[in-house]
PDB file of N, CA and C in Angstrom:
ATOM      1  N   MET A   1     141.407  91.776  73.065  1.00  0.00           N
ATOM      2  CA  MET A   1     140.612  92.845  73.551  1.00  0.00           C
ATOM      3  C   MET A   1     142.026  94.265  73.486  1.00  0.00           C
ATOM      4  N   ASP A   2     140.944  95.199  72.968  1.00  0.00           N
ATOM      5  CA  ASP A   2     141.286  96.278  72.996  1.00  0.00           C
ATOM      6  C   ASP A   2     141.658  97.226  74.354  1.00  0.00           C
ATOM      7  N   ASP A   3     141.815  98.627  74.974  1.00  0.00           N
ATOM      8  CA  ASP A   3     141.538  98.757  76.537  1.00  0.00           C
ATOM      9  C   ASP A   3     140.448  99.407  76.114  1.00  0.00           C
ATOM     10  N   GLU A   4     139.945 100.006  76.059  1.00  0.00           N
ATOM     11  CA  GLU A   4     138.680 100.595  75.516  1.00  0.00           C
ATOM     12  C   GLU A   4     137.833  99.953  76.018  1.00  0.00           C
ATOM     13  N   GLU A   5     137.633  98.536  75.277  1.00  0.00           N
ATOM     14  CA  GLU A   5     136.299  96.924  75.669  1.00  0.00           C
ATOM     15  C   GLU A   5     136.883  97.051  77.607  1.00  0.00           C
ATOM     16  N   LYS A   6     137.980  96.590  77.677  1.00  0.00           N
ATOM     17  CA  LYS A   6     138.247  96.288  79.274  1.00  0.00           C
ATOM     18  C   LYS A   6     137.727  97.405  79.629  1.00  0.00           C
ATOM     19  N   ILE A   7     138.246  98.909  78.991  1.00  0.00           N
ATOM     20  CA  ILE A   7     137.450  99.738  80.327  1.00  0.00           C
ATOM     21  C   ILE A   7     136.529 100.570  79.926  1.00  0.00           C
ATOM     22  N   ALA A   8     135.228  98.785  78.956  1.00  0.00           N
ATOM     23  CA  ALA A   8     133.724  99.217  79.334  1.00  0.00           C
ATOM     24  C   ALA A   8     133.750  98.256  80.137  1.00  0.00           C
ATOM     25  N   ARG A   9     134.095  97.031  79.665  1.00  0.00           N
ATOM     26  CA  ARG A   9     133.514  96.193  80.761  1.00  0.00           C
ATOM     27  C   ARG A   9     133.801  96.126  82.373  1.00  0.00           C
ATOM     28  N   GLY A  10     134.811  96.986  82.662  1.00  0.00           N
ATOM     29  CA  GLY A  10     135.253  97.122  84.380  1.00  0.00           C
ATOM     30  C   GLY A  10     134.050  97.983  84.230  1.00  0.00           C
ATOM     31  N   VAL A  11     133.971  99.360  83.720  1.00  0.00           N
ATOM     32  CA  VAL A  11     132.966  99.976  84.178  1.00  0.00           C
ATOM     33  C   VAL A  11     131.258  99.541  84.728  1.00  0.00           C
ATOM     34  N   ALA A  12     131.082  98.422  83.507  1.00  0.00           N
ATOM     35  CA  ALA A  12     129.995  98.062  83.171  1.00  0.00           C
ATOM     36  C   ALA A  12     129.882  97.105  84.426  1.00  0.00           C
ATOM     37  N   CYS A  13     130.464  96.354  84.970  1.00  0.00           N
ATOM     38  CA  CYS A  13     130.588  95.701  86.057  1.00  0.00           C
ATOM     39  C   CYS A  13     130.795  96.490  87.679  1.00  0.00           C
ATOM     40  N   GLY A  14     131.057  97.419  87.658  1.00  0.00           N
ATOM     41  CA  GLY A  14     131.563  98.176  88.729  1.00  0.00           C
ATOM     42  C   GLY A  14     129.763  98.712  88.871  1.00  0.00           C
ATOM     43  N   LEU A  15     129.312  99.786  87.931  1.00  0.00           N
ATOM     44  CA  LEU A  15     127.731  99.498  87.662  1.00  0.00           C
ATOM     45  C   LEU A  15     127.319  99.086  88.262  1.00  0.00           C
ATOM     46  N   ALA A  16     127.087  97.610  87.549  1.00  0.00           N
ATOM     47  CA  ALA A  16     126.359  96.591  88.097  1.00  0.00           C
ATOM     48  C   ALA A  16     126.674  95.854  89.373  1.00  0.00           C
ATOM     49  N   ARG A  17     127.532  96.156  90.064  1.00  0.00           N
ATOM     50  CA  ARG A  17     127.781  95.780  92.014  1.00  0.00           C
ATOM     51  C   ARG A  17     127.418  96.603  92.051  1.00  0.00           C
ATOM     52  N   HIS A  18     127.449  98.129  91.971  1.00  0.00           N
ATOM     53  CA  HIS A  18     126.791  99.155  92.804  1.00  0.00           C
ATOM     54  C   HIS A  18     125.486  99.184  92.778  1.00  0.00           C
ATOM     55  N   GLU A  19     124.535  98.821  91.652  1.00  0.00           N
ATOM     56  CA  GLU A  19     123.881  98.857  91.740  1.00  0.00           C
ATOM     57  C   GLU A  19     122.988  97.590  92.875  1.00  0.00           C
ATOM     58  N   ALA A  20     123.978  96.317  92.071  1.00  0.00           N
ATOM     59  CA  ALA A  20     122.946  95.688  93.177  1.00  0.00           C
ATOM     60  C   ALA A  20     123.384  95.685  95.475  1.00  0.00           C
ATOM     61  N   ALA A  21     124.955  96.707  95.246  1.00  0.00           N
ATOM     62  CA  ALA A  21     124.888  96.617  96.708  1.00  0.00           C
ATOM     63  C   ALA A  21     123.475  98.267  97.282  1.00  0.00           C
ATOM     64  N   ARG A  22     123.002  98.955  96.079  1.00  0.00           N
ATOM     65  CA  ARG A  22     122.243  99.680  96.351  1.00  0.00           C
ATOM     66  C   ARG A  22     120.540  98.920  96.715  1.00  0.00           C
ATOM     67  N   ALA A  23     120.598  98.314  95.619  1.00  0.00           N
ATOM     68  CA  ALA A  23     119.137  97.771  96.133  1.00  0.00           C
ATOM     69  C   ALA A  23     118.839  96.723  97.400  1.00  0.00           C
ATOM     70  N   ASP A  24     120.387  95.986  97.973  1.00  0.00           N
ATOM     71  CA  ASP A  24     119.821  95.245  98.742  1.00  0.00           C
ATOM     72  C   ASP A  24     119.823  96.156  99.492  1.00  0.00           C
ATOM     73  N   ALA A  25     120.930  97.400 100.376  1.00  0.00           N
ATOM     74  CA  ALA A  25     120.757  98.786 101.239  1.00  0.00           C
ATOM     75  C   ALA A  25     118.927  98.601 101.140  1.00  0.00           C
ATOM     76  N   ASN A  26     118.779  98.832  99.812  1.00  0.00           N
ATOM     77  CA  ASN A  26     116.861  99.531  99.952  1.00  0.00           C
ATOM     78  C   ASN A  26     115.747  98.568 100.532  1.00  0.00           C
ATOM     79  N   ALA A  27     116.606  97.012 100.384  1.00  0.00           N
ATOM     80  CA  ALA A  27     115.761  96.440 100.694  1.00  0.00           C
ATOM     81  C   ALA A  27     115.512  96.372 102.420  1.00  0.00           C
ATOM     82  N   ARG A  28     116.580  96.292 103.014  1.00  0.00           N
ATOM     83  CA  ARG A  28     117.395  96.348 104.235  1.00  0.00           C
ATOM     84  C   ARG A  28     116.584  97.120 105.122  1.00  0.00           C
ATOM     85  N   GLN A  29     116.171  98.754 104.182  1.00  0.00           N
ATOM     86  CA  GLN A  29     115.824  99.955 105.005  1.00  0.00           C
ATOM     87  C   GLN A  29     114.380  99.207 104.580  1.00  0.00           C
ATOM     88  N   LEU A  30     113.562  99.013 103.768  1.00  0.00           N
ATOM     89  CA  LEU A  30     112.315  98.194 103.685  1.00  0.00           C
ATOM     90  C   LEU A  30     111.340  97.486 104.945  1.00  0.00           C
ATOM     91  N   LEU A  31     112.772  96.597 104.883  1.00  0.00           N
ATOM     92  CA  LEU A  31     112.508  95.943 106.386  1.00  0.00           C
ATOM     93  C   LEU A  31     112.411  96.448 107.350  1.00  0.00           C
ATOM     94  N   ARG A  32     113.030  97.192 107.476  1.00  0.00           N
ATOM     95  CA  ARG A  32     113.858  97.865 108.814  1.00  0.00           C
ATOM     96  C   ARG A  32     112.532  98.842 109.216  1.00  0.00           C
ATOM     97  N   GLY A  33     111.703  98.968 108.090  1.00  0.00           N
ATOM     98  CA  GLY A  33     110.661 100.174 108.369  1.00  0.00           C
ATOM     99  C   GLY A  33     109.583  99.099 108.659  1.00  0.00           C
ATOM    100  N   LEU A  34     109.496  98.480 108.084  1.00  0.00           N
ATOM    101  CA  LEU A  34     108.106  97.960 108.439  1.00  0.00           C
ATOM    102  C   LEU A  34     107.657  96.861 109.248  1.00  0.00           C
ATOM    103  N   LEU A  35     109.379  96.228 109.797  1.00  0.00           N
ATOM    104  CA  LEU A  35     109.739  95.627 111.631  1.00  0.00           C
ATOM    105  C   LEU A  35     109.306  97.055 112.692  1.00  0.00           C
ATOM    106  N   ILE A  36     109.952  98.284 112.504  1.00  0.00           N
ATOM    107  CA  ILE A  36     109.093  99.386 113.143  1.00  0.00           C
ATOM    108  C   ILE A  36     107.779  99.297 113.177  1.00  0.00           C
ATOM    109  N   PHE A  37     107.138  99.605 111.470  1.00  0.00           N
ATOM    110  CA  PHE A  37     105.878  99.739 112.121  1.00  0.00           C
ATOM    111  C   PHE A  37     104.817  98.387 112.519  1.00  0.00           C
ATOM    112  N   ALA A  38     105.557  97.429 112.402  1.00  0.00           N
ATOM    113  CA  ALA A  38     104.983  95.987 113.080  1.00  0.00           C
ATOM    114  C   ALA A  38     104.884  96.342 114.486  1.00  0.00           C
ATOM    115  N   ILE A  39     105.820  96.887 115.174  1.00  0.00           N
ATOM    116  CA  ILE A  39     106.494  97.022 116.801  1.00  0.00           C
ATOM    117  C   ILE A  39     104.915  97.348 117.026  1.00  0.00           C
ATOM    118  N   VAL A  40     105.213  98.954 116.235  1.00  0.00           N
ATOM    119  CA  VAL A  40     103.877 100.160 116.994  1.00  0.00           C
ATOM    120  C   VAL A  40     102.649  99.600 116.555  1.00  0.00           C
ATOM    121  N   THR A  41     102.998  98.841 115.622  1.00  0.00           N
ATOM    122  CA  THR A  41     101.508  98.204 115.847  1.00  0.00           C
ATOM    123  C   THR A  41     100.438  97.145 117.081  1.00  0.00           C
ATOM    124  N   ILE A  42     101.502  96.141 116.713  1.00  0.00           N
ATOM    125  CA  ILE A  42     101.072  95.048 117.955  1.00  0.00           C
ATOM    126  C   ILE A  42     101.156  96.280 119.300  1.00  0.00           C
ATOM    127  N   GLY A  43     102.487  97.270 119.519  1.00  0.00           N
ATOM    128  CA  GLY A  43     101.666  97.505 120.905  1.00  0.00           C
ATOM    129  C   GLY A  43     101.156  98.726 120.812  1.00  0.00           C
ATOM    130  N   PHE A  44     100.582  98.913 119.790  1.00  0.00           N
ATOM    131  CA  PHE A  44      99.294 100.070 119.712  1.00  0.00           C
ATOM    132  C   PHE A  44      97.864  98.778 120.669  1.00  0.00           C
ATOM    133  N   ILE A  45      97.793  97.755 119.708  1.00  0.00           N
ATOM    134  CA  ILE A  45      96.775  97.031 119.781  1.00  0.00           C
ATOM    135  C   ILE A  45      96.892  96.161 121.274  1.00  0.00           C
ATOM    136  N   ALA A  46      97.980  95.801 122.023  1.00  0.00           N
ATOM    137  CA  ALA A  46      98.350  96.114 122.728  1.00  0.00           C
ATOM    138  C   ALA A  46      97.397  96.559 124.461  1.00  0.00           C
ATOM    139  N   ARG A  47      97.837  98.025 123.942  1.00  0.00           N
ATOM    140  CA  ARG A  47      97.879  98.891 124.911  1.00  0.00           C
ATOM    141  C   ARG A  47      96.119  98.980 124.566  1.00  0.00           C
ATOM    142  N   ARG A  48      95.482  99.382 123.621  1.00  0.00           N
ATOM    143  CA  ARG A  48      94.054  98.587 123.483  1.00  0.00           C
ATOM    144  C   ARG A  48      93.379  98.025 124.511  1.00  0.00           C
ATOM    145  N   ILE A  49      93.820  96.765 124.029  1.00  0.00           N
ATOM    146  CA  ILE A  49      93.081  95.804 125.018  1.00  0.00           C
ATOM    147  C   ILE A  49      93.377  95.456 125.846  1.00  0.00           C
ATOM    148  N   ARG A  50      94.370  96.273 127.132  1.00  0.00           N
ATOM    149  CA  ARG A  50      94.998  96.155 128.204  1.00  0.00           C
ATOM    150  C   ARG A  50      93.864  97.687 128.760  1.00  0.00           C
ATOM    151  N   ARG A  51      93.240  98.259 127.963  1.00  0.00           N
ATOM    152  CA  ARG A  51      92.683  99.482 128.251  1.00  0.00           C
ATOM    153  C   ARG A  51      91.486  98.974 128.109  1.00  0.00           C
ATOM    154  N   ASP A  52      90.980  98.709 127.472  1.00  0.00           N
ATOM    155  CA  ASP A  52      89.283  98.120 127.395  1.00  0.00           C
ATOM    156  C   ASP A  52      89.225  96.858 128.143  1.00  0.00           C
ATOM    157  N   GLY A  53      90.478  96.332 129.275  1.00  0.00           N
ATOM    158  CA  GLY A  53      90.027  95.579 130.086  1.00  0.00           C
ATOM    159  C   GLY A  53      89.752  93.595 129.404  1.00  0.00           C
ATOM    160  N   ARG A  54      90.048  93.500 128.341  1.00  0.00           N
ATOM    161  CA  ARG A  54      89.336  92.272 127.443  1.00  0.00           C
ATOM    162  C   ARG A  54      90.619  91.452 127.657  1.00  0.00           C
TER     163      ARG A  54
END
């Protein structure tokens, strides 16, 4: 294996690692957003229930 192949493999491996880390970060951000949405929704429903006296 010559130097160019080693460099190409190293670059490909680095890109794959970077993309995996980026996908993981995006998934975590999505889950945080969904959690915040769920908390706000539950709070809104609880407030309506208390206000309506049910």
